[in-house]
Amino acid sequence: MKKAAAERTRTAHAIWYVRKGEVELRAEPLKVPARDDVVVRTLFSAISRGTERLILSGTVPQNERERMRAPLQAGDFPFPVKYGYCAAGVVETGPSELVGRPVFVLHPHQDLFTAPVCMAIPLPDGVPPRRATLAANMETALNAVWDAGCGPADRIVVVGGGAVGMLVGYLCAQMPGTDVTVVDIEPDRGQIAEQLGLRFALPRDTPTEADVVFHTCATPQGLAAAIGAAGMEGTIVELSWYGEGSIPVPLGGAFHSRRLKLISSQVGEVAPSRRPRWTRRRRLEAALSLLQDPRLDALITEEIEFADAPQRVPQILAPGAPGVVSVIRYPAAS
């Protein structure tokens, strides 16, 4: 009883999207943990530039709002909403085998939180908490590679050098004999691609005759470039999410005669090729284990302090803002 009373008096602080373009830090009572819960002190969380940009702009479509909910989201779209799904921290309260261990949780940006113990995934050895915030993006990339069905010696093009695009390229490059090129409008991303063992090209130099093409940048120009990069009977995998937007899809020209295949990939479901055997937890555990390579730290191009979030998050999510992955550093990480 004393422990429960102590937990009841604790206060947490979380990032809330409150109006179009506006973010607040709000204090709230820490939820009293039940028997099957853990209390986690957050060290780092990553901002999902694509998804959270749509949330900040208030453009989550009405008919997609339930599917867009994060696992432990609070509030409702469009505003106010507490969102996020890339948190890494240390267990303070919970089963003895987890107390003191670093874990990853699909939880919104919050400095101290209570979550079901089944959602606290222990970090593998060799994966520090800061890099572990890439787990959700790695899970998306892994699912996309499964959806694509690409394999050794394939010629692969990734249009869009953000976090997901770079991680897709990284995974594909691990297959023997693959030739992987990331295409992006930002020349500076070429250095990151090189560190990950990938070729890099500006849009004017996009390779052609690819076996598989991934599109991740959510623009009509990018999708057109992806379709143009595919070889005869090639596959284009669309990972972008456009919110309320509607874009032209160039299905004229050689699309039909080259018998191209355009498919979507979304992380909400395990890819059909793995679904009979893989749970979402197994997939997330696999994504975390794939983050042991220190080279992946190159994807984290910006770090901000939790206290600065109201000013800095809108800047990070502004259209055309530089960088790849931005992480929030919490006081417990100091």
C-alpha atoms as a PDB file:
ATOM      1  CA  MET A   1       0.000   0.000   0.000  1.00  0.00           C
ATOM      2  CA  LYS A   2       2.838   2.402   0.820  1.00  0.00           C
ATOM      3  CA  LYS A   3       4.412   1.751  -2.581  1.00  0.00           C
ATOM      4  CA  ALA A   4       1.130   2.405  -4.379  1.00  0.00           C
ATOM      5  CA  ALA A   5       0.590   5.621  -2.406  1.00  0.00           C
ATOM      6  CA  ALA A   6       4.073   6.824  -3.309  1.00  0.00           C
ATOM      7  CA  GLU A   7       3.466   6.131  -7.001  1.00  0.00           C
ATOM      8  CA  ARG A   8       0.162   8.018  -6.815  1.00  0.00           C
ATOM      9  CA  THR A   9       1.928  11.237  -5.811  1.00  0.00           C
ATOM     10  CA  ARG A  10       4.453  11.189  -8.643  1.00  0.00           C
ATOM     11  CA  THR A  11       4.181  13.584 -11.565  1.00  0.00           C
ATOM     12  CA  ALA A  12       5.096  12.949 -15.181  1.00  0.00           C
ATOM     13  CA  HIS A  13       5.607  15.432 -18.007  1.00  0.00           C
ATOM     14  CA  ALA A  14       4.633  14.763 -21.607  1.00  0.00           C
ATOM     15  CA  ILE A  15       4.673  16.431 -25.008  1.00  0.00           C
ATOM     16  CA  TRP A  16       1.207  17.283 -26.330  1.00  0.00           C
ATOM     17  CA  TYR A  17       0.226  18.495 -29.794  1.00  0.00           C
ATOM     18  CA  VAL A  18      -2.360  21.089 -28.835  1.00  0.00           C
ATOM     19  CA  ARG A  19      -3.104  23.163 -31.936  1.00  0.00           C
ATOM     20  CA  LYS A  20      -1.875  23.391 -35.502  1.00  0.00           C
ATOM     21  CA  GLY A  21       1.829  24.130 -35.252  1.00  0.00           C
ATOM     22  CA  GLU A  22       1.855  24.239 -31.433  1.00  0.00           C
ATOM     23  CA  VAL A  23       3.362  21.892 -28.854  1.00  0.00           C
ATOM     24  CA  GLU A  24       3.152  21.996 -25.061  1.00  0.00           C
ATOM     25  CA  LEU A  25       4.767  20.210 -22.139  1.00  0.00           C
ATOM     26  CA  ARG A  26       2.027  19.139 -19.759  1.00  0.00           C
ATOM     27  CA  ALA A  27       2.278  17.762 -16.244  1.00  0.00           C
ATOM     28  CA  GLU A  28       0.084  14.799 -15.324  1.00  0.00           C
ATOM     29  CA  PRO A  29      -0.139  12.300 -12.472  1.00  0.00           C
ATOM     30  CA  LEU A  30       1.805   9.129 -13.092  1.00  0.00           C
ATOM     31  CA  LYS A  31      -0.601   6.253 -13.605  1.00  0.00           C
ATOM     32  CA  VAL A  32      -0.442   3.906 -10.625  1.00  0.00           C
ATOM     33  CA  PRO A  33       1.096   0.649 -11.925  1.00  0.00           C
ATOM     34  CA  ALA A  34      -0.950  -2.533 -11.791  1.00  0.00           C
ATOM     35  CA  ARG A  35       0.573  -5.956 -11.206  1.00  0.00           C
ATOM     36  CA  ASP A  36       1.297  -6.395 -14.917  1.00  0.00           C
ATOM     37  CA  ASP A  37       2.775  -2.918 -15.462  1.00  0.00           C
ATOM     38  CA  VAL A  38       6.209  -1.351 -15.409  1.00  0.00           C
ATOM     39  CA  VAL A  39       7.252   2.208 -14.639  1.00  0.00           C
ATOM     40  CA  VAL A  40       9.913   3.476 -17.042  1.00  0.00           C
ATOM     41  CA  ARG A  41      12.174   6.508 -16.669  1.00  0.00           C
ATOM     42  CA  THR A  42      12.764   7.727 -20.228  1.00  0.00           C
ATOM     43  CA  LEU A  43      16.273   8.394 -21.493  1.00  0.00           C
ATOM     44  CA  PHE A  44      15.627   9.145 -25.172  1.00  0.00           C
ATOM     45  CA  SER A  45      12.732   9.195 -27.614  1.00  0.00           C
ATOM     46  CA  ALA A  46      12.794   9.761 -31.360  1.00  0.00           C
ATOM     47  CA  ILE A  47      10.505  12.050 -33.311  1.00  0.00           C
ATOM     48  CA  SER A  48       8.801  10.433 -36.298  1.00  0.00           C
ATOM     49  CA  ARG A  49       9.165  13.202 -38.850  1.00  0.00           C
ATOM     50  CA  GLY A  50       6.612  11.916 -41.333  1.00  0.00           C
ATOM     51  CA  THR A  51       3.826  10.906 -38.967  1.00  0.00           C
ATOM     52  CA  GLU A  52       4.291  13.618 -36.363  1.00  0.00           C
ATOM     53  CA  ARG A  53       4.498  16.296 -39.056  1.00  0.00           C
ATOM     54  CA  LEU A  54       0.996  15.276 -40.163  1.00  0.00           C
ATOM     55  CA  ILE A  55      -0.197  15.414 -36.560  1.00  0.00           C
ATOM     56  CA  LEU A  56       1.311  18.847 -35.945  1.00  0.00           C
ATOM     57  CA  SER A  57      -0.352  20.144 -39.114  1.00  0.00           C
ATOM     58  CA  GLY A  58      -3.721  18.676 -38.102  1.00  0.00           C
ATOM     59  CA  THR A  59      -4.054  16.711 -41.351  1.00  0.00           C
ATOM     60  CA  VAL A  60      -4.721  13.194 -40.064  1.00  0.00           C
ATOM     61  CA  PRO A  61      -7.720  12.098 -42.182  1.00  0.00           C
ATOM     62  CA  GLN A  62     -10.998  11.579 -40.358  1.00  0.00           C
ATOM     63  CA  ASN A  63     -11.375   8.036 -41.700  1.00  0.00           C
ATOM     64  CA  GLU A  64      -7.815   7.076 -40.660  1.00  0.00           C
ATOM     65  CA  ARG A  65      -7.819   8.395 -37.109  1.00  0.00           C
ATOM     66  CA  GLU A  66      -8.427   5.075 -35.392  1.00  0.00           C
ATOM     67  CA  ARG A  67      -5.778   3.283 -37.449  1.00  0.00           C
ATOM     68  CA  MET A  68      -3.359   6.155 -36.793  1.00  0.00           C
ATOM     69  CA  ARG A  69      -3.588   5.884 -33.019  1.00  0.00           C
ATOM     70  CA  ALA A  70      -0.280   5.087 -31.348  1.00  0.00           C
ATOM     71  CA  PRO A  71      -0.425   2.104 -28.957  1.00  0.00           C
ATOM     72  CA  LEU A  72      -0.404   4.243 -25.763  1.00  0.00           C
ATOM     73  CA  GLN A  73      -1.644   7.524 -27.196  1.00  0.00           C
ATOM     74  CA  ALA A  74      -3.756   9.894 -25.099  1.00  0.00           C
ATOM     75  CA  GLY A  75      -6.259  12.371 -26.521  1.00  0.00           C
ATOM     76  CA  ASP A  76      -7.860  12.308 -29.952  1.00  0.00           C
ATOM     77  CA  PHE A  77      -7.052  13.708 -33.374  1.00  0.00           C
ATOM     78  CA  PRO A  78      -6.773  16.365 -34.441  1.00  0.00           C
ATOM     79  CA  PHE A  79      -6.014  18.040 -31.059  1.00  0.00           C
ATOM     80  CA  PRO A  80      -5.034  17.810 -28.284  1.00  0.00           C
ATOM     81  CA  VAL A  81      -3.096  14.564 -28.548  1.00  0.00           C
ATOM     82  CA  LYS A  82      -0.125  12.957 -26.791  1.00  0.00           C
ATOM     83  CA  TYR A  83       1.708  10.977 -29.445  1.00  0.00           C
ATOM     84  CA  GLY A  84       4.917   9.065 -30.146  1.00  0.00           C
ATOM     85  CA  TYR A  85       6.153   5.484 -30.327  1.00  0.00           C
ATOM     86  CA  CYS A  86       9.949   5.495 -30.045  1.00  0.00           C
ATOM     87  CA  ALA A  87      10.888   5.637 -26.346  1.00  0.00           C
ATOM     88  CA  ALA A  88      13.883   4.042 -24.639  1.00  0.00           C
ATOM     89  CA  GLY A  89      14.413   4.145 -20.891  1.00  0.00           C
ATOM     90  CA  VAL A  90      15.154   2.230 -17.713  1.00  0.00           C
ATOM     91  CA  VAL A  91      12.615   0.216 -15.727  1.00  0.00           C
ATOM     92  CA  GLU A  92      12.159   1.657 -12.222  1.00  0.00           C
ATOM     93  CA  THR A  93       9.253  -0.501 -11.045  1.00  0.00           C
ATOM     94  CA  GLY A  94       8.150  -3.909 -12.290  1.00  0.00           C
ATOM     95  CA  PRO A  95       9.235  -7.555 -12.342  1.00  0.00           C
ATOM     96  CA  SER A  96      12.595  -8.083 -10.644  1.00  0.00           C
ATOM     97  CA  GLU A  97      14.181  -9.358 -13.850  1.00  0.00           C
ATOM     98  CA  LEU A  98      13.383  -6.025 -15.564  1.00  0.00           C
ATOM     99  CA  VAL A  99      14.111  -3.490 -12.813  1.00  0.00           C
ATOM    100  CA  GLY A 100      17.192  -1.500 -13.759  1.00  0.00           C
ATOM    101  CA  ARG A 101      17.222  -2.800 -17.332  1.00  0.00           C
ATOM    102  CA  PRO A 102      17.025  -0.579 -20.404  1.00  0.00           C
ATOM    103  CA  VAL A 103      13.924  -1.214 -22.508  1.00  0.00           C
ATOM    104  CA  PHE A 104      12.178   0.029 -25.640  1.00  0.00           C
ATOM    105  CA  VAL A 105       8.476   0.902 -25.465  1.00  0.00           C
ATOM    106  CA  LEU A 106       6.032   2.158 -28.081  1.00  0.00           C
ATOM    107  CA  HIS A 107       5.097   5.110 -25.866  1.00  0.00           C
ATOM    108  CA  PRO A 108       4.557   8.847 -26.477  1.00  0.00           C
ATOM    109  CA  HIS A 109       7.190  11.425 -25.543  1.00  0.00           C
ATOM    110  CA  GLN A 110       7.086  11.479 -21.730  1.00  0.00           C
ATOM    111  CA  ASP A 111       9.746  11.589 -19.040  1.00  0.00           C
ATOM    112  CA  LEU A 112       8.196   8.951 -16.749  1.00  0.00           C
ATOM    113  CA  PHE A 113       5.441   6.549 -17.699  1.00  0.00           C
ATOM    114  CA  THR A 114       3.553   3.399 -16.792  1.00  0.00           C
ATOM    115  CA  ALA A 115       3.062   0.729 -19.458  1.00  0.00           C
ATOM    116  CA  PRO A 116       2.058  -2.930 -19.688  1.00  0.00           C
ATOM    117  CA  VAL A 117       5.039  -5.149 -18.978  1.00  0.00           C
ATOM    118  CA  CYS A 118       4.427  -6.991 -22.267  1.00  0.00           C
ATOM    119  CA  MET A 119       5.261  -3.777 -24.153  1.00  0.00           C
ATOM    120  CA  ALA A 120       8.649  -3.262 -22.486  1.00  0.00           C
ATOM    121  CA  ILE A 121      11.168  -4.943 -24.778  1.00  0.00           C
ATOM    122  CA  PRO A 122      14.614  -5.396 -23.163  1.00  0.00           C
ATOM    123  CA  LEU A 123      17.404  -3.951 -25.270  1.00  0.00           C
ATOM    124  CA  PRO A 124      19.825  -6.517 -26.704  1.00  0.00           C
ATOM    125  CA  ASP A 125      23.462  -6.304 -25.686  1.00  0.00           C
ATOM    126  CA  GLY A 126      25.240  -3.809 -27.902  1.00  0.00           C
ATOM    127  CA  VAL A 127      22.199  -1.586 -28.510  1.00  0.00           C
ATOM    128  CA  PRO A 128      22.441   1.623 -26.432  1.00  0.00           C
ATOM    129  CA  PRO A 129      19.187   3.417 -25.541  1.00  0.00           C
ATOM    130  CA  ARG A 130      19.851   6.369 -27.867  1.00  0.00           C
ATOM    131  CA  ARG A 131      20.204   4.091 -30.909  1.00  0.00           C
ATOM    132  CA  ALA A 132      17.301   1.936 -29.729  1.00  0.00           C
ATOM    133  CA  THR A 133      14.964   4.819 -30.561  1.00  0.00           C
ATOM    134  CA  LEU A 134      15.427   3.780 -34.216  1.00  0.00           C
ATOM    135  CA  ALA A 135      13.585   0.507 -33.519  1.00  0.00           C
ATOM    136  CA  ALA A 136      10.195   1.584 -34.866  1.00  0.00           C
ATOM    137  CA  ASN A 137      11.773   2.789 -38.116  1.00  0.00           C
ATOM    138  CA  MET A 138      13.829  -0.393 -38.362  1.00  0.00           C
ATOM    139  CA  GLU A 139      10.661  -2.437 -37.883  1.00  0.00           C
ATOM    140  CA  THR A 140       9.008  -0.531 -40.742  1.00  0.00           C
ATOM    141  CA  ALA A 141      12.052  -1.103 -42.939  1.00  0.00           C
ATOM    142  CA  LEU A 142      12.211  -4.813 -42.118  1.00  0.00           C
ATOM    143  CA  ASN A 143       8.535  -5.254 -42.950  1.00  0.00           C
ATOM    144  CA  ALA A 144       9.030  -3.440 -46.254  1.00  0.00           C
ATOM    145  CA  VAL A 145      11.930  -5.678 -47.258  1.00  0.00           C
ATOM    146  CA  TRP A 146       9.726  -8.689 -46.524  1.00  0.00           C
ATOM    147  CA  ASP A 147       6.896  -7.161 -48.586  1.00  0.00           C
ATOM    148  CA  ALA A 148       9.262  -6.531 -51.493  1.00  0.00           C
ATOM    149  CA  GLY A 149      10.631 -10.069 -51.612  1.00  0.00           C
ATOM    150  CA  CYS A 150      14.032  -8.851 -52.779  1.00  0.00           C
ATOM    151  CA  GLY A 151      17.056 -11.093 -52.511  1.00  0.00           C
ATOM    152  CA  PRO A 152      20.783 -11.550 -53.154  1.00  0.00           C
ATOM    153  CA  ALA A 153      22.279  -9.930 -56.261  1.00  0.00           C
ATOM    154  CA  ASP A 154      19.237  -7.698 -56.864  1.00  0.00           C
ATOM    155  CA  ARG A 155      19.645  -4.166 -58.131  1.00  0.00           C
ATOM    156  CA  ILE A 156      17.746  -2.040 -55.608  1.00  0.00           C
ATOM    157  CA  VAL A 157      16.884   1.659 -55.579  1.00  0.00           C
ATOM    158  CA  VAL A 158      15.509   3.546 -52.573  1.00  0.00           C
ATOM    159  CA  VAL A 159      13.928   6.899 -53.407  1.00  0.00           C
ATOM    160  CA  GLY A 160      14.023   8.992 -50.232  1.00  0.00           C
ATOM    161  CA  GLY A 161      16.961   9.120 -47.826  1.00  0.00           C
ATOM    162  CA  GLY A 162      15.113   9.672 -44.575  1.00  0.00           C
ATOM    163  CA  ALA A 163      15.304   7.278 -41.649  1.00  0.00           C
ATOM    164  CA  VAL A 164      13.134   4.547 -43.155  1.00  0.00           C
ATOM    165  CA  GLY A 165      14.734   4.843 -46.587  1.00  0.00           C
ATOM    166  CA  MET A 166      18.257   4.595 -45.196  1.00  0.00           C
ATOM    167  CA  LEU A 167      17.314   1.611 -43.035  1.00  0.00           C
ATOM    168  CA  VAL A 168      15.693  -0.155 -45.990  1.00  0.00           C
ATOM    169  CA  GLY A 169      18.891   0.410 -47.960  1.00  0.00           C
ATOM    170  CA  TYR A 170      21.010  -0.786 -45.037  1.00  0.00           C
ATOM    171  CA  LEU A 171      19.050  -4.043 -44.738  1.00  0.00           C
ATOM    172  CA  CYS A 172      19.135  -4.671 -48.470  1.00  0.00           C
ATOM    173  CA  ALA A 173      22.885  -4.068 -48.578  1.00  0.00           C
ATOM    174  CA  GLN A 174      23.432  -6.945 -46.129  1.00  0.00           C
ATOM    175  CA  MET A 175      22.290  -9.417 -48.798  1.00  0.00           C
ATOM    176  CA  PRO A 176      25.168 -10.887 -50.831  1.00  0.00           C
ATOM    177  CA  GLY A 177      25.758  -9.217 -54.170  1.00  0.00           C
ATOM    178  CA  THR A 178      23.084  -6.537 -53.943  1.00  0.00           C
ATOM    179  CA  ASP A 179      23.642  -3.167 -55.576  1.00  0.00           C
ATOM    180  CA  VAL A 180      21.771  -0.583 -53.484  1.00  0.00           C
ATOM    181  CA  THR A 181      21.406   3.109 -54.309  1.00  0.00           C
ATOM    182  CA  VAL A 182      19.642   5.723 -52.175  1.00  0.00           C
ATOM    183  CA  VAL A 183      18.272   8.700 -54.102  1.00  0.00           C
ATOM    184  CA  ASP A 184      17.606  12.014 -52.364  1.00  0.00           C
ATOM    185  CA  ILE A 185      17.491  15.729 -53.129  1.00  0.00           C
ATOM    186  CA  GLU A 186      19.806  16.538 -50.185  1.00  0.00           C
ATOM    187  CA  PRO A 187      23.482  16.054 -51.149  1.00  0.00           C
ATOM    188  CA  ASP A 188      24.525  15.907 -47.476  1.00  0.00           C
ATOM    189  CA  ARG A 189      22.707  12.600 -47.098  1.00  0.00           C
ATOM    190  CA  GLY A 190      25.280  11.075 -49.386  1.00  0.00           C
ATOM    191  CA  GLN A 191      27.740  10.993 -46.490  1.00  0.00           C
ATOM    192  CA  ILE A 192      25.303   9.006 -44.362  1.00  0.00           C
ATOM    193  CA  ALA A 193      24.620   6.599 -47.218  1.00  0.00           C
ATOM    194  CA  GLU A 194      28.344   6.070 -47.680  1.00  0.00           C
ATOM    195  CA  GLN A 195      28.801   5.301 -43.972  1.00  0.00           C
ATOM    196  CA  LEU A 196      26.106   2.624 -44.293  1.00  0.00           C
ATOM    197  CA  GLY A 197      27.749   1.047 -47.341  1.00  0.00           C
ATOM    198  CA  LEU A 198      25.238   2.403 -49.865  1.00  0.00           C
ATOM    199  CA  ARG A 199      25.560   4.192 -53.157  1.00  0.00           C
ATOM    200  CA  PHE A 200      23.999   7.650 -53.358  1.00  0.00           C
ATOM    201  CA  ALA A 201      22.501   9.609 -56.239  1.00  0.00           C
ATOM    202  CA  LEU A 202      20.712  12.896 -56.754  1.00  0.00           C
ATOM    203  CA  PRO A 203      17.368  12.634 -58.593  1.00  0.00           C
ATOM    204  CA  ARG A 204      18.901  13.521 -61.970  1.00  0.00           C
ATOM    205  CA  ASP A 205      21.163  10.471 -61.638  1.00  0.00           C
ATOM    206  CA  THR A 206      18.546   7.955 -60.485  1.00  0.00           C
ATOM    207  CA  PRO A 207      19.533   4.471 -61.681  1.00  0.00           C
ATOM    208  CA  THR A 208      17.209   2.541 -63.984  1.00  0.00           C
ATOM    209  CA  GLU A 209      16.454  -1.135 -64.632  1.00  0.00           C
ATOM    210  CA  ALA A 210      16.127  -1.886 -60.921  1.00  0.00           C
ATOM    211  CA  ASP A 211      14.672  -5.182 -59.747  1.00  0.00           C
ATOM    212  CA  VAL A 212      13.031  -3.548 -56.717  1.00  0.00           C
ATOM    213  CA  VAL A 213      12.399   0.118 -55.938  1.00  0.00           C
ATOM    214  CA  PHE A 214      11.280   1.516 -52.580  1.00  0.00           C
ATOM    215  CA  HIS A 215       9.626   4.934 -52.331  1.00  0.00           C
ATOM    216  CA  THR A 216       9.674   6.633 -48.918  1.00  0.00           C
ATOM    217  CA  CYS A 217       9.561  10.405 -49.414  1.00  0.00           C
ATOM    218  CA  ALA A 218       5.795  11.042 -49.827  1.00  0.00           C
ATOM    219  CA  THR A 219       6.027  13.298 -52.885  1.00  0.00           C
ATOM    220  CA  PRO A 220       4.579  12.848 -56.388  1.00  0.00           C
ATOM    221  CA  GLN A 221       8.009  13.598 -57.859  1.00  0.00           C
ATOM    222  CA  GLY A 222       9.556  10.844 -55.769  1.00  0.00           C
ATOM    223  CA  LEU A 223       6.901   8.332 -56.763  1.00  0.00           C
ATOM    224  CA  ALA A 224       7.389   9.207 -60.438  1.00  0.00           C
ATOM    225  CA  ALA A 225      11.139   8.715 -60.030  1.00  0.00           C
ATOM    226  CA  ALA A 226      10.566   5.353 -58.336  1.00  0.00           C
ATOM    227  CA  ILE A 227       8.345   4.134 -61.161  1.00  0.00           C
ATOM    228  CA  GLY A 228      10.885   5.350 -63.692  1.00  0.00           C
ATOM    229  CA  ALA A 229      13.689   3.458 -61.947  1.00  0.00           C
ATOM    230  CA  ALA A 230      12.015   0.032 -62.177  1.00  0.00           C
ATOM    231  CA  GLY A 231      13.082  -2.456 -64.801  1.00  0.00           C
ATOM    232  CA  MET A 232      10.857  -4.806 -66.799  1.00  0.00           C
ATOM    233  CA  GLU A 233       8.305  -6.427 -64.454  1.00  0.00           C
ATOM    234  CA  GLY A 234       9.990  -4.751 -61.508  1.00  0.00           C
ATOM    235  CA  THR A 235       8.342  -4.019 -58.167  1.00  0.00           C
ATOM    236  CA  ILE A 236       7.816  -0.582 -56.646  1.00  0.00           C
ATOM    237  CA  VAL A 237       7.113  -0.633 -52.893  1.00  0.00           C
ATOM    238  CA  GLU A 238       5.315   2.478 -51.622  1.00  0.00           C
ATOM    239  CA  LEU A 239       6.030   3.172 -47.940  1.00  0.00           C
ATOM    240  CA  SER A 240       4.878   6.796 -47.888  1.00  0.00           C
ATOM    241  CA  TRP A 241       1.755   7.976 -46.131  1.00  0.00           C
ATOM    242  CA  TYR A 242       0.124  11.086 -47.529  1.00  0.00           C
ATOM    243  CA  GLY A 243      -2.484  11.935 -44.884  1.00  0.00           C
ATOM    244  CA  GLU A 244      -5.349  13.832 -46.479  1.00  0.00           C
ATOM    245  CA  GLY A 245      -3.309  14.460 -49.600  1.00  0.00           C
ATOM    246  CA  SER A 246      -4.107  13.125 -53.046  1.00  0.00           C
ATOM    247  CA  ILE A 247      -1.274  12.845 -55.545  1.00  0.00           C
ATOM    248  CA  PRO A 248      -1.004  11.975 -59.237  1.00  0.00           C
ATOM    249  CA  VAL A 249       0.391   8.520 -60.029  1.00  0.00           C
ATOM    250  CA  PRO A 250       2.082   8.259 -63.457  1.00  0.00           C
ATOM    251  CA  LEU A 251       0.578   5.036 -64.742  1.00  0.00           C
ATOM    252  CA  GLY A 252       0.901   6.079 -68.365  1.00  0.00           C
ATOM    253  CA  GLY A 253       3.965   5.722 -70.546  1.00  0.00           C
ATOM    254  CA  ALA A 254       5.878   2.504 -69.955  1.00  0.00           C
ATOM    255  CA  PHE A 255       4.151   1.535 -66.689  1.00  0.00           C
ATOM    256  CA  HIS A 256       1.695  -0.780 -68.414  1.00  0.00           C
ATOM    257  CA  SER A 257       3.942  -2.167 -71.141  1.00  0.00           C
ATOM    258  CA  ARG A 258       6.729  -2.922 -68.656  1.00  0.00           C
ATOM    259  CA  ARG A 259       4.247  -4.809 -66.459  1.00  0.00           C
ATOM    260  CA  LEU A 260       5.361  -2.996 -63.319  1.00  0.00           C
ATOM    261  CA  LYS A 261       3.969  -3.858 -59.914  1.00  0.00           C
ATOM    262  CA  LEU A 262       3.107  -1.084 -57.418  1.00  0.00           C
ATOM    263  CA  ILE A 263       2.411  -2.309 -53.886  1.00  0.00           C
ATOM    264  CA  SER A 264       1.982  -0.682 -50.495  1.00  0.00           C
ATOM    265  CA  SER A 265       3.857  -1.593 -47.341  1.00  0.00           C
ATOM    266  CA  GLN A 266       2.660  -0.519 -43.915  1.00  0.00           C
ATOM    267  CA  VAL A 267       3.910  -1.660 -40.533  1.00  0.00           C
ATOM    268  CA  GLY A 268       0.482  -2.070 -38.927  1.00  0.00           C
ATOM    269  CA  GLU A 269       0.416  -5.693 -40.094  1.00  0.00           C
ATOM    270  CA  VAL A 270       3.224  -8.229 -40.372  1.00  0.00           C
ATOM    271  CA  ALA A 271       4.082  -8.876 -44.024  1.00  0.00           C
ATOM    272  CA  PRO A 272       1.994 -11.760 -45.457  1.00  0.00           C
ATOM    273  CA  SER A 273       5.101 -13.831 -46.157  1.00  0.00           C
ATOM    274  CA  ARG A 274       5.879 -13.929 -42.404  1.00  0.00           C
ATOM    275  CA  ARG A 275       2.456 -13.545 -40.826  1.00  0.00           C
ATOM    276  CA  PRO A 276       1.786 -17.257 -40.141  1.00  0.00           C
ATOM    277  CA  ARG A 277       4.897 -17.443 -37.933  1.00  0.00           C
ATOM    278  CA  TRP A 278       5.742 -13.937 -36.769  1.00  0.00           C
ATOM    279  CA  THR A 279       4.007 -11.879 -34.089  1.00  0.00           C
ATOM    280  CA  ARG A 280       4.440  -8.122 -33.860  1.00  0.00           C
ATOM    281  CA  ARG A 281       6.530  -8.592 -30.741  1.00  0.00           C
ATOM    282  CA  ARG A 282       8.871 -11.012 -32.508  1.00  0.00           C
ATOM    283  CA  ARG A 283       9.228  -8.514 -35.354  1.00  0.00           C
ATOM    284  CA  LEU A 284      10.006  -5.662 -32.930  1.00  0.00           C
ATOM    285  CA  GLU A 285      12.540  -7.803 -31.080  1.00  0.00           C
ATOM    286  CA  ALA A 286      14.175  -8.584 -34.425  1.00  0.00           C
ATOM    287  CA  ALA A 287      14.252  -4.885 -35.304  1.00  0.00           C
ATOM    288  CA  LEU A 288      16.037  -4.095 -32.044  1.00  0.00           C
ATOM    289  CA  SER A 289      18.595  -6.841 -32.643  1.00  0.00           C
ATOM    290  CA  LEU A 290      19.327  -5.343 -36.074  1.00  0.00           C
ATOM    291  CA  LEU A 291      20.459  -2.098 -34.416  1.00  0.00           C
ATOM    292  CA  GLN A 292      23.750  -3.435 -33.055  1.00  0.00           C
ATOM    293  CA  ASP A 293      25.798  -1.797 -35.816  1.00  0.00           C
ATOM    294  CA  PRO A 294      27.376   1.457 -34.499  1.00  0.00           C
ATOM    295  CA  ARG A 295      27.291   2.881 -38.026  1.00  0.00           C
ATOM    296  CA  LEU A 296      23.547   3.399 -37.562  1.00  0.00           C
ATOM    297  CA  ASP A 297      24.291   6.244 -35.133  1.00  0.00           C
ATOM    298  CA  ALA A 298      24.913   8.339 -38.248  1.00  0.00           C
ATOM    299  CA  LEU A 299      21.141   8.471 -38.787  1.00  0.00           C
ATOM    300  CA  ILE A 300      20.678  10.515 -35.601  1.00  0.00           C
ATOM    301  CA  THR A 301      21.537  13.963 -36.843  1.00  0.00           C
ATOM    302  CA  GLU A 302      20.020  16.105 -34.088  1.00  0.00           C
ATOM    303  CA  GLU A 303      19.455  15.904 -30.343  1.00  0.00           C
ATOM    304  CA  ILE A 304      17.305  18.289 -28.326  1.00  0.00           C
ATOM    305  CA  GLU A 305      16.575  18.625 -24.626  1.00  0.00           C
ATOM    306  CA  PHE A 306      13.139  17.574 -23.390  1.00  0.00           C
ATOM    307  CA  ALA A 307      12.564  20.990 -21.800  1.00  0.00           C
ATOM    308  CA  ASP A 308      13.105  22.664 -25.174  1.00  0.00           C
ATOM    309  CA  ALA A 309      10.486  20.583 -26.992  1.00  0.00           C
ATOM    310  CA  PRO A 310       7.762  23.273 -27.254  1.00  0.00           C
ATOM    311  CA  GLN A 311      10.085  25.484 -29.290  1.00  0.00           C
ATOM    312  CA  ARG A 312      12.187  22.875 -31.071  1.00  0.00           C
ATOM    313  CA  VAL A 313       9.655  20.220 -32.152  1.00  0.00           C
ATOM    314  CA  PRO A 314       7.745  22.569 -34.520  1.00  0.00           C
ATOM    315  CA  GLN A 315      11.071  23.591 -36.057  1.00  0.00           C
ATOM    316  CA  ILE A 316      12.103  19.969 -36.573  1.00  0.00           C
ATOM    317  CA  LEU A 317       8.746  19.122 -38.156  1.00  0.00           C
ATOM    318  CA  ALA A 318       8.652  22.152 -40.444  1.00  0.00           C
ATOM    319  CA  PRO A 319       8.531  21.270 -44.164  1.00  0.00           C
ATOM    320  CA  GLY A 320      12.042  21.070 -45.555  1.00  0.00           C
ATOM    321  CA  ALA A 321      13.737  21.028 -42.138  1.00  0.00           C
ATOM    322  CA  PRO A 322      17.237  19.507 -42.380  1.00  0.00           C
ATOM    323  CA  GLY A 323      18.366  16.291 -40.728  1.00  0.00           C
ATOM    324  CA  VAL A 324      17.281  12.668 -40.684  1.00  0.00           C
ATOM    325  CA  VAL A 325      16.391  11.517 -37.150  1.00  0.00           C
ATOM    326  CA  SER A 326      15.918  13.898 -34.244  1.00  0.00           C
ATOM    327  CA  VAL A 327      15.972  12.491 -30.717  1.00  0.00           C
ATOM    328  CA  ILE A 328      14.808  14.010 -27.465  1.00  0.00           C
ATOM    329  CA  ARG A 329      17.189  13.703 -24.543  1.00  0.00           C
ATOM    330  CA  TYR A 330      15.564  13.487 -21.107  1.00  0.00           C
ATOM    331  CA  PRO A 331      17.060  14.618 -17.791  1.00  0.00           C
ATOM    332  CA  ALA A 332      17.632  10.998 -16.721  1.00  0.00           C
ATOM    333  CA  ALA A 333      20.139  10.626 -19.571  1.00  0.00           C
ATOM    334  CA  SER A 334      22.359  13.396 -18.241  1.00  0.00           C
END
